[in-house]
Amino acid sequence: MNLYEHTIVVKQDTSTAQIKKLTEKYSKIVETNDGNIVQTENWGLLNLSYVIKKNKKANYIHFKIKGNGKIIKKLEKDESI
């Protein structure tokens, strides 16, 4: 199993409850695809390097994931990347 790092960027006006719900959603995706969440870090509200859709800041959530490549494909599909 490989170790991956995955960071999601969430709008600055997202509530703490919504962020927790997103974290649980991504954890569930990883676990249903035979992976493990090694660590989850909420980096909080940080400045974006450039303005995106009139937003200057965003909440960052960072995951360290142990598993195979299909987990990343599922996460990217869910995020529409």
C-alpha atoms as a PDB file:
ATOM      1  CA  MET A   1       0.000   0.000   0.000  1.00  0.00           C
ATOM      2  CA  ASN A   2       1.189   3.477  -0.900  1.00  0.00           C
ATOM      3  CA  LEU A   3       1.062   6.624   1.208  1.00  0.00           C
ATOM      4  CA  TYR A   4      -0.762   9.582  -0.362  1.00  0.00           C
ATOM      5  CA  GLU A   5      -1.370  13.132   0.788  1.00  0.00           C
ATOM      6  CA  HIS A   6      -4.584  14.827  -0.281  1.00  0.00           C
ATOM      7  CA  THR A   7      -5.642  18.386   0.530  1.00  0.00           C
ATOM      8  CA  ILE A   8      -9.085  19.815  -0.076  1.00  0.00           C
ATOM      9  CA  VAL A   9      -9.808  23.533  -0.190  1.00  0.00           C
ATOM     10  CA  VAL A  10     -13.208  24.659   1.090  1.00  0.00           C
ATOM     11  CA  LYS A  11     -14.852  28.097   0.815  1.00  0.00           C
ATOM     12  CA  GLN A  12     -14.133  30.460   3.688  1.00  0.00           C
ATOM     13  CA  ASP A  13     -17.794  30.802   4.702  1.00  0.00           C
ATOM     14  CA  THR A  14     -18.242  27.042   5.250  1.00  0.00           C
ATOM     15  CA  SER A  15     -19.359  26.236   8.801  1.00  0.00           C
ATOM     16  CA  THR A  16     -17.467  23.964  11.182  1.00  0.00           C
ATOM     17  CA  ALA A  17     -20.298  21.414  11.009  1.00  0.00           C
ATOM     18  CA  GLN A  18     -20.114  21.332   7.203  1.00  0.00           C
ATOM     19  CA  ILE A  19     -16.332  20.882   7.326  1.00  0.00           C
ATOM     20  CA  LYS A  20     -16.747  17.990   9.765  1.00  0.00           C
ATOM     21  CA  LYS A  21     -19.335  16.432   7.441  1.00  0.00           C
ATOM     22  CA  LEU A  22     -16.940  16.749   4.468  1.00  0.00           C
ATOM     23  CA  THR A  23     -14.134  15.162   6.488  1.00  0.00           C
ATOM     24  CA  GLU A  24     -16.391  12.219   7.371  1.00  0.00           C
ATOM     25  CA  LYS A  25     -17.474  11.890   3.723  1.00  0.00           C
ATOM     26  CA  TYR A  26     -13.879  11.646   2.479  1.00  0.00           C
ATOM     27  CA  SER A  27     -12.942   9.246   5.277  1.00  0.00           C
ATOM     28  CA  LYS A  28     -15.832   6.996   4.264  1.00  0.00           C
ATOM     29  CA  ILE A  29     -14.733   7.032   0.595  1.00  0.00           C
ATOM     30  CA  VAL A  30     -11.207   6.001   1.605  1.00  0.00           C
ATOM     31  CA  GLU A  31     -12.370   3.239   3.956  1.00  0.00           C
ATOM     32  CA  THR A  32     -14.849   1.747   1.453  1.00  0.00           C
ATOM     33  CA  ASN A  33     -11.990   1.446  -1.059  1.00  0.00           C
ATOM     34  CA  ASP A  34      -9.731  -0.580   1.264  1.00  0.00           C
ATOM     35  CA  GLY A  35      -7.684   2.359   2.501  1.00  0.00           C
ATOM     36  CA  ASN A  36      -6.784   3.893   5.842  1.00  0.00           C
ATOM     37  CA  ILE A  37      -6.722   7.505   6.948  1.00  0.00           C
ATOM     38  CA  VAL A  38      -3.360   7.817   8.679  1.00  0.00           C
ATOM     39  CA  GLN A  39      -3.862  11.428   9.719  1.00  0.00           C
ATOM     40  CA  THR A  40      -6.371  14.243   9.204  1.00  0.00           C
ATOM     41  CA  GLU A  41      -5.333  17.835   9.774  1.00  0.00           C
ATOM     42  CA  ASN A  42      -7.589  20.873   9.661  1.00  0.00           C
ATOM     43  CA  TRP A  43      -5.192  23.652   8.671  1.00  0.00           C
ATOM     44  CA  GLY A  44      -7.952  26.217   9.147  1.00  0.00           C
ATOM     45  CA  LEU A  45      -8.546  29.456   7.300  1.00  0.00           C
ATOM     46  CA  LEU A  46      -5.524  30.423   5.180  1.00  0.00           C
ATOM     47  CA  ASN A  47      -4.854  32.982   2.464  1.00  0.00           C
ATOM     48  CA  LEU A  48      -5.128  31.771  -1.112  1.00  0.00           C
ATOM     49  CA  SER A  49      -2.174  32.661  -3.326  1.00  0.00           C
ATOM     50  CA  TYR A  50      -4.618  34.334  -5.739  1.00  0.00           C
ATOM     51  CA  VAL A  51      -8.315  35.256  -5.704  1.00  0.00           C
ATOM     52  CA  ILE A  52     -10.678  32.445  -6.757  1.00  0.00           C
ATOM     53  CA  LYS A  53     -14.293  33.433  -7.442  1.00  0.00           C
ATOM     54  CA  LYS A  54     -13.915  36.576  -5.283  1.00  0.00           C
ATOM     55  CA  ASN A  55     -12.501  34.562  -2.350  1.00  0.00           C
ATOM     56  CA  LYS A  56      -9.167  35.568  -0.829  1.00  0.00           C
ATOM     57  CA  LYS A  57      -9.151  32.899   1.898  1.00  0.00           C
ATOM     58  CA  ALA A  58     -10.201  29.258   2.226  1.00  0.00           C
ATOM     59  CA  ASN A  59     -10.294  26.425   4.747  1.00  0.00           C
ATOM     60  CA  TYR A  60      -7.751  23.692   4.108  1.00  0.00           C
ATOM     61  CA  ILE A  61      -8.208  20.059   5.180  1.00  0.00           C
ATOM     62  CA  HIS A  62      -5.237  17.732   4.718  1.00  0.00           C
ATOM     63  CA  PHE A  63      -5.404  13.924   4.662  1.00  0.00           C
ATOM     64  CA  LYS A  64      -2.618  11.357   4.800  1.00  0.00           C
ATOM     65  CA  ILE A  65      -4.000   8.208   3.198  1.00  0.00           C
ATOM     66  CA  LYS A  66      -2.610   4.689   2.997  1.00  0.00           C
ATOM     67  CA  GLY A  67      -4.002   2.611   0.150  1.00  0.00           C
ATOM     68  CA  ASN A  68      -3.926   1.972  -3.568  1.00  0.00           C
ATOM     69  CA  GLY A  69      -4.317   4.337  -6.521  1.00  0.00           C
ATOM     70  CA  LYS A  70      -8.020   3.706  -7.002  1.00  0.00           C
ATOM     71  CA  ILE A  71      -8.723   5.681  -3.828  1.00  0.00           C
ATOM     72  CA  ILE A  72      -7.256   8.820  -5.386  1.00  0.00           C
ATOM     73  CA  LYS A  73      -9.261   8.240  -8.576  1.00  0.00           C
ATOM     74  CA  LYS A  74     -12.461   7.971  -6.497  1.00  0.00           C
ATOM     75  CA  LEU A  75     -11.635  11.172  -4.591  1.00  0.00           C
ATOM     76  CA  GLU A  76     -10.871  13.042  -7.817  1.00  0.00           C
ATOM     77  CA  LYS A  77     -14.090  11.765  -9.389  1.00  0.00           C
ATOM     78  CA  ASP A  78     -16.060  12.926  -6.361  1.00  0.00           C
ATOM     79  CA  GLU A  79     -14.398  16.341  -6.581  1.00  0.00           C
ATOM     80  CA  SER A  80     -14.942  16.492 -10.379  1.00  0.00           C
ATOM     81  CA  ILE A  81     -11.256  17.090 -11.118  1.00  0.00           C
END
